[in-house]
Amino acid sequence: MFDIGWTELLVIACVAIIVVGPKDLPRMLRGLGQTIGKLRRMSREFQSTFNDAIREAEKQADIADMKKQVEEVGNFNPLGDLKKSIETDKVAQKTTTPAPPAAKAEPAEAGKVSGDDAAAASSAETSAGTAKTEPAASAAAETAREDTKA
């Protein structure tokens, strides 16, 4: 703590013997030791009081966190949470899903598809689901056209 070497201590002891005198030096050193002891006890007491206050504050913070968690559990509404989840999924699906592709005009084949069959194929394509990818949607439309031909 202090950077005092043996030579400095020897100088301080010589000055103390000269100033105080050899007769009163033991009494002075005893009083100095008692004062240092009191300071250490006060320091320890202050430190323990401070540590107790910190522990108490931590307990209060833990209790507050626990109360918050209990309130969150008490506000548990599974039906409401499910509705919110579904709504957010619908919004996300609308923003990320591309519009279904328009019905492509097929070249003239041996058996032409009538207007009613084309409408049925178009509705089959849209009912196949908007989440399908474009190749899958066109494959479903071709299957529907083949079914209407047969």
Protein backbone atom coordinates (compact mmCIF):
# COMPACT_ATOMS: atom_id res chain seq x y z
CA MET A 1 0.00 0.00 0.00
CA PHE A 2 2.54 2.55 1.10
CA ASP A 3 5.90 2.35 -0.53
CA ILE A 4 7.97 2.82 2.62
CA GLY A 5 11.23 0.98 2.90
CA TRP A 6 13.21 -0.04 6.02
CA THR A 7 15.35 3.09 5.94
CA GLU A 8 12.29 5.35 6.08
CA LEU A 9 10.89 3.34 9.00
CA LEU A 10 14.21 3.68 10.85
CA VAL A 11 14.19 7.47 10.34
CA ILE A 12 10.57 7.71 11.62
CA ALA A 13 11.45 5.61 14.71
CA CYS A 14 14.48 7.83 15.52
CA VAL A 15 12.39 11.02 15.19
CA ALA A 16 9.64 9.50 17.41
CA ILE A 17 12.19 8.57 20.11
CA ILE A 18 13.66 12.08 20.03
CA VAL A 19 10.30 13.93 19.97
CA VAL A 20 8.25 11.74 22.34
CA GLY A 21 11.03 10.35 24.42
CA PRO A 22 11.88 6.79 25.31
CA LYS A 23 9.69 6.86 28.44
CA ASP A 24 6.34 7.72 26.67
CA LEU A 25 7.02 5.90 23.38
CA PRO A 26 5.36 2.56 24.40
CA ARG A 27 2.18 4.39 25.51
CA MET A 28 2.07 6.32 22.22
CA LEU A 29 2.55 3.16 20.13
CA ARG A 30 -0.21 1.38 22.10
CA GLY A 31 -2.60 4.28 21.45
CA LEU A 32 -1.62 4.30 17.77
CA GLY A 33 -2.31 0.55 17.53
CA GLN A 34 -5.71 0.92 19.22
CA THR A 35 -6.64 3.77 16.87
CA ILE A 36 -5.65 1.72 13.82
CA GLY A 37 -7.72 -1.21 15.19
CA LYS A 38 -10.77 1.03 15.61
CA LEU A 39 -10.37 2.32 12.06
CA ARG A 40 -10.19 -1.24 10.73
CA ARG A 41 -13.32 -2.29 12.68
CA MET A 42 -15.22 0.74 11.40
CA SER A 43 -14.08 -0.04 7.87
CA ARG A 44 -15.20 -3.69 8.18
CA GLU A 45 -18.56 -2.64 9.65
CA PHE A 46 -19.14 -0.13 6.86
CA GLN A 47 -18.20 -2.70 4.23
CA SER A 48 -20.50 -5.37 5.70
CA THR A 49 -23.38 -2.87 5.94
CA PHE A 50 -22.80 -1.86 2.34
CA ASN A 51 -22.70 -5.52 1.21
CA ASP A 52 -25.94 -6.23 3.13
CA ALA A 53 -27.61 -3.28 1.40
CA ILE A 54 -26.47 -4.59 -1.98
CA ARG A 55 -27.79 -8.08 -1.20
CA GLU A 56 -31.12 -6.62 -0.10
CA ALA A 57 -31.37 -4.57 -3.30
CA GLU A 58 -30.62 -7.71 -5.34
CA LYS A 59 -33.34 -9.60 -3.48
CA GLN A 60 -35.80 -6.78 -4.14
CA ALA A 61 -34.86 -6.80 -7.83
CA ASP A 62 -35.30 -10.58 -7.95
CA ILE A 63 -38.67 -10.28 -6.22
CA ALA A 64 -39.74 -7.60 -8.71
CA ASP A 65 -38.68 -9.84 -11.61
CA MET A 66 -40.61 -12.74 -10.12
CA LYS A 67 -43.72 -10.58 -9.71
CA LYS A 68 -43.41 -9.48 -13.32
CA GLN A 69 -43.14 -13.09 -14.50
CA VAL A 70 -46.16 -14.11 -12.42
CA GLU A 71 -48.18 -11.23 -13.89
CA GLU A 72 -47.16 -12.28 -17.40
CA VAL A 73 -48.27 -15.85 -16.67
CA GLY A 74 -51.50 -14.52 -15.17
CA ASN A 75 -52.19 -12.58 -18.37
CA PHE A 76 -51.82 -15.76 -20.42
CA ASN A 77 -54.54 -15.89 -23.07
CA PRO A 78 -53.94 -18.82 -25.41
CA LEU A 79 -56.91 -18.03 -27.66
CA GLY A 80 -55.90 -14.39 -28.06
CA ASP A 81 -52.29 -15.37 -28.69
CA LEU A 82 -53.42 -17.87 -31.33
CA LYS A 83 -55.55 -15.23 -33.08
CA LYS A 84 -52.64 -12.78 -33.10
CA SER A 85 -50.36 -15.45 -34.50
CA ILE A 86 -52.80 -16.31 -37.27
CA GLU A 87 -53.27 -12.65 -38.17
CA THR A 88 -49.52 -12.04 -38.36
CA ASP A 89 -49.10 -15.18 -40.50
CA LYS A 90 -51.82 -13.97 -42.88
CA VAL A 91 -50.18 -10.57 -43.19
CA ALA A 92 -46.78 -12.15 -43.76
CA GLN A 93 -48.22 -14.54 -46.35
CA LYS A 94 -49.92 -11.70 -48.25
CA THR A 95 -46.73 -9.70 -48.44
CA THR A 96 -44.45 -12.62 -49.45
CA THR A 97 -46.74 -14.69 -51.73
CA PRO A 98 -46.72 -13.58 -55.39
CA ALA A 99 -50.00 -13.28 -57.25
CA PRO A 100 -51.10 -16.49 -59.04
CA PRO A 101 -49.95 -16.57 -62.65
CA ALA A 102 -52.51 -15.86 -65.37
CA ALA A 103 -53.77 -18.80 -67.41
CA LYS A 104 -51.43 -19.28 -70.35
CA ALA A 105 -52.91 -19.79 -73.78
CA GLU A 106 -51.96 -23.25 -75.02
CA PRO A 107 -51.29 -23.79 -78.72
CA ALA A 108 -54.14 -25.34 -80.63
CA GLU A 109 -54.22 -29.07 -80.11
CA ALA A 110 -56.26 -31.84 -81.66
CA GLY A 111 -58.95 -31.44 -78.99
CA LYS A 112 -59.59 -27.77 -78.31
CA VAL A 113 -60.56 -26.71 -74.83
CA SER A 114 -63.88 -24.93 -74.69
CA GLY A 115 -64.40 -21.69 -72.72
CA ASP A 116 -66.06 -23.57 -69.82
CA ASP A 117 -63.15 -26.00 -69.60
CA ALA A 118 -60.67 -23.11 -69.57
CA ALA A 119 -62.61 -21.44 -66.75
CA ALA A 120 -62.64 -24.71 -64.81
CA ALA A 121 -58.90 -25.10 -65.32
CA SER A 122 -58.34 -21.51 -64.21
CA SER A 123 -60.43 -22.01 -61.07
CA ALA A 124 -58.63 -25.30 -60.39
CA GLU A 125 -55.35 -23.45 -60.68
CA THR A 126 -56.37 -20.79 -58.17
CA SER A 127 -57.96 -23.31 -55.81
CA ALA A 128 -54.75 -25.33 -55.87
CA GLY A 129 -53.44 -22.77 -53.42
CA THR A 130 -51.61 -19.49 -53.75
CA ALA A 131 -48.71 -20.81 -51.68
CA LYS A 132 -47.65 -23.20 -54.46
CA THR A 133 -44.77 -22.23 -56.61
CA GLU A 134 -45.37 -21.36 -60.25
CA PRO A 135 -44.23 -24.73 -61.72
CA ALA A 136 -46.42 -26.62 -59.29
CA ALA A 137 -49.41 -24.40 -60.10
CA SER A 138 -48.94 -24.91 -63.85
CA ALA A 139 -48.63 -28.68 -63.32
CA ALA A 140 -51.94 -28.64 -61.43
CA ALA A 141 -53.57 -26.68 -64.27
CA GLU A 142 -52.31 -29.18 -66.85
CA THR A 143 -53.68 -32.07 -64.78
CA ALA A 144 -57.05 -30.31 -64.55
CA ARG A 145 -57.08 -29.78 -68.34
CA GLU A 146 -56.27 -33.44 -68.97
CA ASP A 147 -59.12 -34.45 -66.66
CA THR A 148 -61.56 -32.23 -68.55
CA LYS A 149 -60.43 -33.68 -71.90
CA ALA A 150 -61.12 -37.23 -70.81
